[in-house]
Amino acid sequence: MASVVHITDLSHNGLQDYVGLTDVALRKVSEPERGLYIAESSKVIQRAIHAGHVPRSVLLQEQWLEDIEPLVSSFDDCVIYVGSSELLQALTGFEMHRGALASMHRPELPSVSDLLEDAKRIVVLEDIVDHTNVGAIFRAVAGLGADAVLITPRCADPLYRRSVRVSMGTVLQVPWTRLPEWPEARNLLHEAGFHIAAMALADDAVSLRDFALHQPEKIALVFGSEGDGLSHQALEACDTVVTIPMLHGVDSLNVASASAVALYALTD
């Protein structure tokens, strides 16, 4: 059974997982090294556990204990820390209004080849640094039926707290892993039979409508960073540049919106 610890101060060693969660730079550095990520809200914690992830501890207020304890009761090493709203806000740096936080052990990422083996539609994220956009793209992937997400080495962490929250926990359901740099990434995608389609602006770009009419059997849709878009290396690695036709002088959509439009257009 998970143990319940009522805290009245911040001296417990296990609370270090939750210190200063508003400090983005700290979390980006510490989470991968320590093999942990933070799941926020009972729904997300439930999805994480259903995905096979193991909780290290949970942090919550007393009124949420009845909802959360059954979710983690079977994990003997899990500790449920219960404290006042004021104490938890002092610890995390923000007001906890979503019920609970759980410190989860990170699962081992699959290899690229394993992820691509049975996939037909995948999304590649190159250097997207905004965690909100990453989470929103994962939600679009889950809702519109792509098989997996591959991210480049400098892309934001999908298991960062904001990404998990914005995705409504779908980052815990959608298979994903990290790609190597181009052109090695291109070789892996081509070896698996994928047509690489860059979502970008270019003079020779194909309209998304036309691309959807004659779409290849296996497609890797590549989306670039919020400011600069796709790198030259990514564009050189792609087989086709695809663009979403726009009106009224607008040249492009937010990357998360563009991913949803593209995935919907390519739905069988």
C-alpha atoms as a PDB file:
ATOM      1  CA  MET A   1       0.000   0.000   0.000  1.00  0.00           C
ATOM      2  CA  ALA A   2       1.125   3.562  -0.685  1.00  0.00           C
ATOM      3  CA  SER A   3       1.896   5.428   2.523  1.00  0.00           C
ATOM      4  CA  VAL A   4       0.240   8.711   3.526  1.00  0.00           C
ATOM      5  CA  VAL A   5       2.358  11.429   5.175  1.00  0.00           C
ATOM      6  CA  HIS A   6       0.765  14.609   6.534  1.00  0.00           C
ATOM      7  CA  ILE A   7       3.289  17.421   6.265  1.00  0.00           C
ATOM      8  CA  THR A   8       3.436  20.604   8.333  1.00  0.00           C
ATOM      9  CA  ASP A   9       6.799  21.862   7.052  1.00  0.00           C
ATOM     10  CA  LEU A  10       9.017  21.412   3.982  1.00  0.00           C
ATOM     11  CA  SER A  11      11.802  19.345   5.557  1.00  0.00           C
ATOM     12  CA  HIS A  12      10.947  15.956   3.982  1.00  0.00           C
ATOM     13  CA  ASN A  13      13.541  14.843   1.395  1.00  0.00           C
ATOM     14  CA  GLY A  14      10.863  13.498  -0.942  1.00  0.00           C
ATOM     15  CA  LEU A  15       9.441  16.980  -1.431  1.00  0.00           C
ATOM     16  CA  GLN A  16      12.471  18.038  -3.485  1.00  0.00           C
ATOM     17  CA  ASP A  17      10.750  16.690  -6.608  1.00  0.00           C
ATOM     18  CA  TYR A  18       8.219  19.525  -6.336  1.00  0.00           C
ATOM     19  CA  VAL A  19      10.439  22.505  -5.504  1.00  0.00           C
ATOM     20  CA  GLY A  20      10.055  25.574  -7.708  1.00  0.00           C
ATOM     21  CA  LEU A  21       7.982  24.088 -10.518  1.00  0.00           C
ATOM     22  CA  THR A  22       7.550  27.547 -12.048  1.00  0.00           C
ATOM     23  CA  ASP A  23      11.293  27.688 -12.766  1.00  0.00           C
ATOM     24  CA  VAL A  24      11.303  26.445 -16.374  1.00  0.00           C
ATOM     25  CA  ALA A  25      15.077  26.352 -16.726  1.00  0.00           C
ATOM     26  CA  LEU A  26      15.472  24.245 -13.585  1.00  0.00           C
ATOM     27  CA  ARG A  27      12.873  21.686 -14.660  1.00  0.00           C
ATOM     28  CA  LYS A  28      14.289  21.347 -18.176  1.00  0.00           C
ATOM     29  CA  VAL A  29      17.691  20.518 -16.728  1.00  0.00           C
ATOM     30  CA  SER A  30      16.698  18.376 -13.767  1.00  0.00           C
ATOM     31  CA  GLU A  31      13.814  16.235 -15.015  1.00  0.00           C
ATOM     32  CA  PRO A  32      15.650  14.178 -17.671  1.00  0.00           C
ATOM     33  CA  GLU A  33      18.703  13.661 -15.455  1.00  0.00           C
ATOM     34  CA  ARG A  34      16.699  12.467 -12.476  1.00  0.00           C
ATOM     35  CA  GLY A  35      14.435  10.293 -14.577  1.00  0.00           C
ATOM     36  CA  LEU A  36      11.260  11.977 -13.327  1.00  0.00           C
ATOM     37  CA  TYR A  37       8.402  14.047 -14.657  1.00  0.00           C
ATOM     38  CA  ILE A  38       5.418  15.749 -13.018  1.00  0.00           C
ATOM     39  CA  ALA A  39       1.824  14.686 -13.741  1.00  0.00           C
ATOM     40  CA  GLU A  40      -0.814  17.230 -12.744  1.00  0.00           C
ATOM     41  CA  SER A  41      -4.490  16.463 -11.951  1.00  0.00           C
ATOM     42  CA  SER A  42      -6.202  13.183 -11.161  1.00  0.00           C
ATOM     43  CA  LYS A  43      -7.087  12.588 -14.831  1.00  0.00           C
ATOM     44  CA  VAL A  44      -3.476  12.906 -15.974  1.00  0.00           C
ATOM     45  CA  ILE A  45      -2.190  10.781 -13.092  1.00  0.00           C
ATOM     46  CA  GLN A  46      -4.732   8.110 -13.987  1.00  0.00           C
ATOM     47  CA  ARG A  47      -3.658   8.164 -17.645  1.00  0.00           C
ATOM     48  CA  ALA A  48      -0.016   7.906 -16.647  1.00  0.00           C
ATOM     49  CA  ILE A  49      -0.667   4.853 -14.485  1.00  0.00           C
ATOM     50  CA  HIS A  50      -2.808   3.237 -17.196  1.00  0.00           C
ATOM     51  CA  ALA A  51       0.105   3.776 -19.584  1.00  0.00           C
ATOM     52  CA  GLY A  52       2.297   1.749 -17.234  1.00  0.00           C
ATOM     53  CA  HIS A  53       4.170   4.622 -15.596  1.00  0.00           C
ATOM     54  CA  VAL A  54       5.151   4.252 -11.941  1.00  0.00           C
ATOM     55  CA  PRO A  55       4.514   7.021  -9.362  1.00  0.00           C
ATOM     56  CA  ARG A  56       7.293   7.927  -6.960  1.00  0.00           C
ATOM     57  CA  SER A  57       5.141  10.238  -4.828  1.00  0.00           C
ATOM     58  CA  VAL A  58       1.993  12.374  -4.855  1.00  0.00           C
ATOM     59  CA  LEU A  59       1.450  15.865  -3.442  1.00  0.00           C
ATOM     60  CA  LEU A  60      -2.063  17.042  -2.595  1.00  0.00           C
ATOM     61  CA  GLN A  61      -4.457  18.764  -0.217  1.00  0.00           C
ATOM     62  CA  GLU A  62      -6.593  16.733   2.180  1.00  0.00           C
ATOM     63  CA  GLN A  63      -9.823  17.081   0.163  1.00  0.00           C
ATOM     64  CA  TRP A  64      -8.274  15.244  -2.806  1.00  0.00           C
ATOM     65  CA  LEU A  65      -6.940  12.267  -0.862  1.00  0.00           C
ATOM     66  CA  GLU A  66     -10.078  10.157  -1.314  1.00  0.00           C
ATOM     67  CA  ASP A  67      -9.901  10.552  -5.117  1.00  0.00           C
ATOM     68  CA  ILE A  68      -6.177  10.001  -5.546  1.00  0.00           C
ATOM     69  CA  GLU A  69      -5.341   7.301  -2.996  1.00  0.00           C
ATOM     70  CA  PRO A  70      -7.101   4.471  -4.900  1.00  0.00           C
ATOM     71  CA  LEU A  71      -5.112   5.329  -8.049  1.00  0.00           C
ATOM     72  CA  VAL A  72      -1.728   4.766  -6.375  1.00  0.00           C
ATOM     73  CA  SER A  73      -2.626   2.365  -3.573  1.00  0.00           C
ATOM     74  CA  SER A  74      -1.017  -0.635  -5.293  1.00  0.00           C
ATOM     75  CA  PHE A  75       2.428   1.026  -5.453  1.00  0.00           C
ATOM     76  CA  ASP A  76       4.179   0.105  -2.207  1.00  0.00           C
ATOM     77  CA  ASP A  77       7.032   2.601  -2.626  1.00  0.00           C
ATOM     78  CA  CYS A  78       4.770   5.560  -3.405  1.00  0.00           C
ATOM     79  CA  VAL A  79       4.376   8.260  -0.739  1.00  0.00           C
ATOM     80  CA  ILE A  80       1.315  10.536  -0.650  1.00  0.00           C
ATOM     81  CA  TYR A  81       2.217  13.901   0.871  1.00  0.00           C
ATOM     82  CA  VAL A  82      -0.794  15.795   2.247  1.00  0.00           C
ATOM     83  CA  GLY A  83      -0.520  19.443   3.227  1.00  0.00           C
ATOM     84  CA  SER A  84      -2.312  22.755   3.413  1.00  0.00           C
ATOM     85  CA  SER A  85      -2.879  24.970   0.400  1.00  0.00           C
ATOM     86  CA  GLU A  86      -0.469  27.582   1.776  1.00  0.00           C
ATOM     87  CA  LEU A  87       2.284  25.044   2.396  1.00  0.00           C
ATOM     88  CA  LEU A  88       1.981  23.450  -1.037  1.00  0.00           C
ATOM     89  CA  GLN A  89       2.022  26.850  -2.742  1.00  0.00           C
ATOM     90  CA  ALA A  90       5.176  27.778  -0.837  1.00  0.00           C
ATOM     91  CA  LEU A  91       6.756  24.525  -2.038  1.00  0.00           C
ATOM     92  CA  THR A  92       5.782  24.548  -5.714  1.00  0.00           C
ATOM     93  CA  GLY A  93       5.595  28.276  -6.392  1.00  0.00           C
ATOM     94  CA  PHE A  94       2.001  28.260  -7.643  1.00  0.00           C
ATOM     95  CA  GLU A  95      -1.518  27.650  -6.366  1.00  0.00           C
ATOM     96  CA  MET A  96      -2.491  24.023  -6.823  1.00  0.00           C
ATOM     97  CA  HIS A  97      -6.067  24.003  -8.085  1.00  0.00           C
ATOM     98  CA  ARG A  98      -6.070  20.800 -10.140  1.00  0.00           C
ATOM     99  CA  GLY A  99      -6.203  18.371  -7.255  1.00  0.00           C
ATOM    100  CA  ALA A 100      -2.765  16.800  -7.114  1.00  0.00           C
ATOM    101  CA  LEU A 101       0.745  16.541  -8.487  1.00  0.00           C
ATOM    102  CA  ALA A 102       2.528  13.225  -8.913  1.00  0.00           C
ATOM    103  CA  SER A 103       6.243  12.693  -9.362  1.00  0.00           C
ATOM    104  CA  MET A 104       6.445   9.887 -11.920  1.00  0.00           C
ATOM    105  CA  HIS A 105       9.375   7.735 -12.996  1.00  0.00           C
ATOM    106  CA  ARG A 106      10.140   8.282 -16.668  1.00  0.00           C
ATOM    107  CA  PRO A 107       9.676   5.220 -18.877  1.00  0.00           C
ATOM    108  CA  GLU A 108      12.482   4.214 -21.214  1.00  0.00           C
ATOM    109  CA  LEU A 109      11.948   5.647 -24.689  1.00  0.00           C
ATOM    110  CA  PRO A 110      11.536   3.169 -27.566  1.00  0.00           C
ATOM    111  CA  SER A 111      13.942   3.093 -30.479  1.00  0.00           C
ATOM    112  CA  VAL A 112      13.023   4.958 -33.654  1.00  0.00           C
ATOM    113  CA  SER A 113      12.869   1.734 -35.655  1.00  0.00           C
ATOM    114  CA  ASP A 114      10.514   0.082 -33.170  1.00  0.00           C
ATOM    115  CA  LEU A 115       8.231   3.105 -33.194  1.00  0.00           C
ATOM    116  CA  LEU A 116       8.062   3.204 -36.991  1.00  0.00           C
ATOM    117  CA  GLU A 117       7.542  -0.510 -37.548  1.00  0.00           C
ATOM    118  CA  ASP A 118       3.732  -0.472 -37.808  1.00  0.00           C
ATOM    119  CA  ALA A 119       3.167   3.270 -38.266  1.00  0.00           C
ATOM    120  CA  LYS A 120       1.608   4.943 -41.323  1.00  0.00           C
ATOM    121  CA  ARG A 121       1.213   8.578 -40.216  1.00  0.00           C
ATOM    122  CA  ILE A 122       3.732  10.222 -37.930  1.00  0.00           C
ATOM    123  CA  VAL A 123       4.548  13.752 -36.849  1.00  0.00           C
ATOM    124  CA  VAL A 124       8.104  15.081 -36.533  1.00  0.00           C
ATOM    125  CA  LEU A 125       8.752  18.134 -34.351  1.00  0.00           C
ATOM    126  CA  GLU A 126      11.953  20.021 -35.098  1.00  0.00           C
ATOM    127  CA  ASP A 127      13.218  22.293 -32.319  1.00  0.00           C
ATOM    128  CA  ILE A 128       9.774  23.388 -31.091  1.00  0.00           C
ATOM    129  CA  VAL A 129      10.625  24.998 -27.765  1.00  0.00           C
ATOM    130  CA  ASP A 130       7.218  26.112 -26.490  1.00  0.00           C
ATOM    131  CA  HIS A 131       5.821  23.472 -24.133  1.00  0.00           C
ATOM    132  CA  THR A 132       2.258  24.606 -24.778  1.00  0.00           C
ATOM    133  CA  ASN A 133       2.633  23.979 -28.506  1.00  0.00           C
ATOM    134  CA  VAL A 134       4.200  20.578 -27.913  1.00  0.00           C
ATOM    135  CA  GLY A 135       1.306  19.559 -25.673  1.00  0.00           C
ATOM    136  CA  ALA A 136      -1.302  20.863 -28.130  1.00  0.00           C
ATOM    137  CA  ILE A 137       0.308  18.956 -31.012  1.00  0.00           C
ATOM    138  CA  PHE A 138       0.246  15.723 -29.022  1.00  0.00           C
ATOM    139  CA  ARG A 139      -3.449  16.282 -28.354  1.00  0.00           C
ATOM    140  CA  ALA A 140      -4.067  16.782 -32.081  1.00  0.00           C
ATOM    141  CA  VAL A 141      -2.094  13.627 -32.857  1.00  0.00           C
ATOM    142  CA  ALA A 142      -4.146  11.622 -30.357  1.00  0.00           C
ATOM    143  CA  GLY A 143      -7.454  13.042 -31.506  1.00  0.00           C
ATOM    144  CA  LEU A 144      -6.865  12.900 -35.253  1.00  0.00           C
ATOM    145  CA  GLY A 145      -5.216   9.549 -35.497  1.00  0.00           C
ATOM    146  CA  ALA A 146      -1.476   9.804 -36.202  1.00  0.00           C
ATOM    147  CA  ASP A 147       0.515   6.840 -34.944  1.00  0.00           C
ATOM    148  CA  ALA A 148       3.523   8.457 -33.273  1.00  0.00           C
ATOM    149  CA  VAL A 149       5.538  11.617 -32.672  1.00  0.00           C
ATOM    150  CA  LEU A 150       9.279  11.932 -33.208  1.00  0.00           C
ATOM    151  CA  ILE A 151      11.128  14.927 -31.788  1.00  0.00           C
ATOM    152  CA  THR A 152      14.582  16.331 -32.554  1.00  0.00           C
ATOM    153  CA  PRO A 153      17.291  16.621 -29.880  1.00  0.00           C
ATOM    154  CA  ARG A 154      16.583  20.305 -29.158  1.00  0.00           C
ATOM    155  CA  CYS A 155      12.783  20.027 -29.077  1.00  0.00           C
ATOM    156  CA  ALA A 156      11.052  20.806 -25.773  1.00  0.00           C
ATOM    157  CA  ASP A 157      10.370  17.908 -23.429  1.00  0.00           C
ATOM    158  CA  PRO A 158       6.890  16.398 -23.988  1.00  0.00           C
ATOM    159  CA  LEU A 159       6.842  15.300 -20.331  1.00  0.00           C
ATOM    160  CA  TYR A 160       7.377  18.795 -18.988  1.00  0.00           C
ATOM    161  CA  ARG A 161       4.475  19.672 -16.681  1.00  0.00           C
ATOM    162  CA  ARG A 162       2.885  22.264 -18.996  1.00  0.00           C
ATOM    163  CA  SER A 163       3.104  19.971 -22.039  1.00  0.00           C
ATOM    164  CA  VAL A 164       1.431  17.128 -20.156  1.00  0.00           C
ATOM    165  CA  ARG A 165      -1.304  19.439 -18.879  1.00  0.00           C
ATOM    166  CA  VAL A 166      -2.059  21.099 -22.229  1.00  0.00           C
ATOM    167  CA  SER A 167      -2.171  17.703 -23.927  1.00  0.00           C
ATOM    168  CA  MET A 168      -4.744  16.530 -21.348  1.00  0.00           C
ATOM    169  CA  GLY A 169      -2.423  13.621 -20.659  1.00  0.00           C
ATOM    170  CA  THR A 170      -2.284  12.395 -24.264  1.00  0.00           C
ATOM    171  CA  VAL A 171       1.528  12.651 -24.235  1.00  0.00           C
ATOM    172  CA  LEU A 172       1.239   9.599 -21.993  1.00  0.00           C
ATOM    173  CA  GLN A 173      -0.793   7.722 -24.622  1.00  0.00           C
ATOM    174  CA  VAL A 174       0.849   8.680 -27.927  1.00  0.00           C
ATOM    175  CA  PRO A 175       4.037   6.719 -28.683  1.00  0.00           C
ATOM    176  CA  TRP A 176       7.036   9.044 -29.040  1.00  0.00           C
ATOM    177  CA  THR A 177      10.795   9.132 -28.992  1.00  0.00           C
ATOM    178  CA  ARG A 178      13.725  11.337 -29.976  1.00  0.00           C
ATOM    179  CA  LEU A 179      15.278  11.412 -33.427  1.00  0.00           C
ATOM    180  CA  PRO A 180      18.975  11.916 -34.153  1.00  0.00           C
ATOM    181  CA  GLU A 181      20.085  14.970 -36.154  1.00  0.00           C
ATOM    182  CA  TRP A 182      19.517  15.350 -39.890  1.00  0.00           C
ATOM    183  CA  PRO A 183      20.474  13.702 -42.222  1.00  0.00           C
ATOM    184  CA  GLU A 184      20.610  10.558 -40.047  1.00  0.00           C
ATOM    185  CA  ALA A 185      16.958  11.155 -39.170  1.00  0.00           C
ATOM    186  CA  ARG A 186      16.066  11.265 -42.883  1.00  0.00           C
ATOM    187  CA  ASN A 187      17.824   7.951 -43.472  1.00  0.00           C
ATOM    188  CA  LEU A 188      15.874   6.267 -40.663  1.00  0.00           C
ATOM    189  CA  LEU A 189      12.558   7.575 -42.026  1.00  0.00           C
ATOM    190  CA  HIS A 190      13.351   6.571 -45.605  1.00  0.00           C
ATOM    191  CA  GLU A 191      14.510   3.119 -44.544  1.00  0.00           C
ATOM    192  CA  ALA A 192      11.104   2.648 -42.912  1.00  0.00           C
ATOM    193  CA  GLY A 193       9.378   3.675 -46.155  1.00  0.00           C
ATOM    194  CA  PHE A 194       8.186   7.151 -45.132  1.00  0.00           C
ATOM    195  CA  HIS A 195       7.625  10.068 -47.488  1.00  0.00           C
ATOM    196  CA  ILE A 196       8.884  13.130 -45.616  1.00  0.00           C
ATOM    197  CA  ALA A 197       6.619  16.155 -46.008  1.00  0.00           C
ATOM    198  CA  ALA A 198       7.776  19.514 -44.665  1.00  0.00           C
ATOM    199  CA  MET A 199       5.016  21.859 -43.545  1.00  0.00           C
ATOM    200  CA  ALA A 200       6.537  25.149 -44.665  1.00  0.00           C
ATOM    201  CA  LEU A 201       6.355  28.109 -47.031  1.00  0.00           C
ATOM    202  CA  ALA A 202       8.283  27.745 -50.284  1.00  0.00           C
ATOM    203  CA  ASP A 203       7.956  28.750 -53.926  1.00  0.00           C
ATOM    204  CA  ASP A 204       7.684  25.104 -54.969  1.00  0.00           C
ATOM    205  CA  ALA A 205       5.354  24.097 -52.122  1.00  0.00           C
ATOM    206  CA  VAL A 206       2.398  21.827 -52.847  1.00  0.00           C
ATOM    207  CA  SER A 207      -1.025  22.779 -51.533  1.00  0.00           C
ATOM    208  CA  LEU A 208      -2.196  20.582 -48.656  1.00  0.00           C
ATOM    209  CA  ARG A 209      -5.400  19.911 -50.627  1.00  0.00           C
ATOM    210  CA  ASP A 210      -3.435  18.568 -53.611  1.00  0.00           C
ATOM    211  CA  PHE A 211      -1.063  16.576 -51.413  1.00  0.00           C
ATOM    212  CA  ALA A 212      -4.021  14.959 -49.638  1.00  0.00           C
ATOM    213  CA  LEU A 213      -5.565  13.873 -52.940  1.00  0.00           C
ATOM    214  CA  HIS A 214      -2.479  11.855 -53.879  1.00  0.00           C
ATOM    215  CA  GLN A 215      -0.965  11.153 -50.489  1.00  0.00           C
ATOM    216  CA  PRO A 216       1.713   8.458 -50.078  1.00  0.00           C
ATOM    217  CA  GLU A 217       1.000   5.365 -48.027  1.00  0.00           C
ATOM    218  CA  LYS A 218       3.411   6.382 -45.283  1.00  0.00           C
ATOM    219  CA  ILE A 219       3.843  10.058 -44.377  1.00  0.00           C
ATOM    220  CA  ALA A 220       6.097  11.841 -41.914  1.00  0.00           C
ATOM    221  CA  LEU A 221       4.797  15.398 -41.408  1.00  0.00           C
ATOM    222  CA  VAL A 222       7.580  17.701 -40.236  1.00  0.00           C
ATOM    223  CA  PHE A 223       6.794  20.884 -38.269  1.00  0.00           C
ATOM    224  CA  GLY A 224       9.347  23.536 -37.374  1.00  0.00           C
ATOM    225  CA  SER A 225      10.031  25.958 -34.565  1.00  0.00           C
ATOM    226  CA  GLU A 226       7.710  28.825 -33.723  1.00  0.00           C
ATOM    227  CA  GLY A 227      10.008  31.607 -34.887  1.00  0.00           C
ATOM    228  CA  ASP A 228      12.280  30.389 -37.672  1.00  0.00           C
ATOM    229  CA  GLY A 229      10.286  27.449 -38.990  1.00  0.00           C
ATOM    230  CA  LEU A 230      12.137  24.453 -40.365  1.00  0.00           C
ATOM    231  CA  SER A 231      15.913  24.489 -40.669  1.00  0.00           C
ATOM    232  CA  HIS A 232      17.704  24.251 -44.011  1.00  0.00           C
ATOM    233  CA  GLN A 233      18.815  20.738 -43.037  1.00  0.00           C
ATOM    234  CA  ALA A 234      15.220  19.661 -42.474  1.00  0.00           C
ATOM    235  CA  LEU A 235      14.020  21.156 -45.749  1.00  0.00           C
ATOM    236  CA  GLU A 236      16.847  19.416 -47.625  1.00  0.00           C
ATOM    237  CA  ALA A 237      15.878  16.115 -45.981  1.00  0.00           C
ATOM    238  CA  CYS A 238      12.229  16.364 -47.011  1.00  0.00           C
ATOM    239  CA  ASP A 239      10.718  14.900 -50.175  1.00  0.00           C
ATOM    240  CA  THR A 240       7.916  17.451 -50.519  1.00  0.00           C
ATOM    241  CA  VAL A 241       7.180  20.888 -49.096  1.00  0.00           C
ATOM    242  CA  VAL A 242       3.477  21.236 -48.248  1.00  0.00           C
ATOM    243  CA  THR A 243       1.670  24.461 -47.400  1.00  0.00           C
ATOM    244  CA  ILE A 244      -1.778  25.308 -46.058  1.00  0.00           C
ATOM    245  CA  PRO A 245      -3.469  27.873 -48.375  1.00  0.00           C
ATOM    246  CA  MET A 246      -4.255  31.047 -46.435  1.00  0.00           C
ATOM    247  CA  LEU A 247      -6.411  34.151 -46.994  1.00  0.00           C
ATOM    248  CA  HIS A 248      -6.378  37.880 -46.131  1.00  0.00           C
ATOM    249  CA  GLY A 249      -2.603  38.259 -46.116  1.00  0.00           C
ATOM    250  CA  VAL A 250      -2.040  35.702 -43.358  1.00  0.00           C
ATOM    251  CA  ASP A 251       0.955  33.564 -44.304  1.00  0.00           C
ATOM    252  CA  SER A 252       0.749  30.785 -41.716  1.00  0.00           C
ATOM    253  CA  LEU A 253      -0.940  29.335 -38.634  1.00  0.00           C
ATOM    254  CA  ASN A 254       0.388  28.643 -35.187  1.00  0.00           C
ATOM    255  CA  VAL A 255       2.307  25.362 -35.388  1.00  0.00           C
ATOM    256  CA  ALA A 256      -0.161  23.499 -33.164  1.00  0.00           C
ATOM    257  CA  SER A 257      -3.110  24.694 -35.268  1.00  0.00           C
ATOM    258  CA  ALA A 258      -1.265  23.780 -38.452  1.00  0.00           C
ATOM    259  CA  SER A 259      -0.661  20.260 -37.163  1.00  0.00           C
ATOM    260  CA  ALA A 260      -4.376  19.767 -36.504  1.00  0.00           C
ATOM    261  CA  VAL A 261      -5.351  21.066 -39.961  1.00  0.00           C
ATOM    262  CA  ALA A 262      -2.769  18.895 -41.725  1.00  0.00           C
ATOM    263  CA  LEU A 263      -3.679  15.749 -39.813  1.00  0.00           C
ATOM    264  CA  TYR A 264      -7.384  16.263 -40.461  1.00  0.00           C
ATOM    265  CA  ALA A 265      -6.761  16.790 -44.176  1.00  0.00           C
ATOM    266  CA  LEU A 266      -4.788  13.547 -44.382  1.00  0.00           C
ATOM    267  CA  THR A 267      -7.291  11.438 -42.459  1.00  0.00           C
ATOM    268  CA  ASP A 268      -8.324   8.413 -44.500  1.00  0.00           C
END
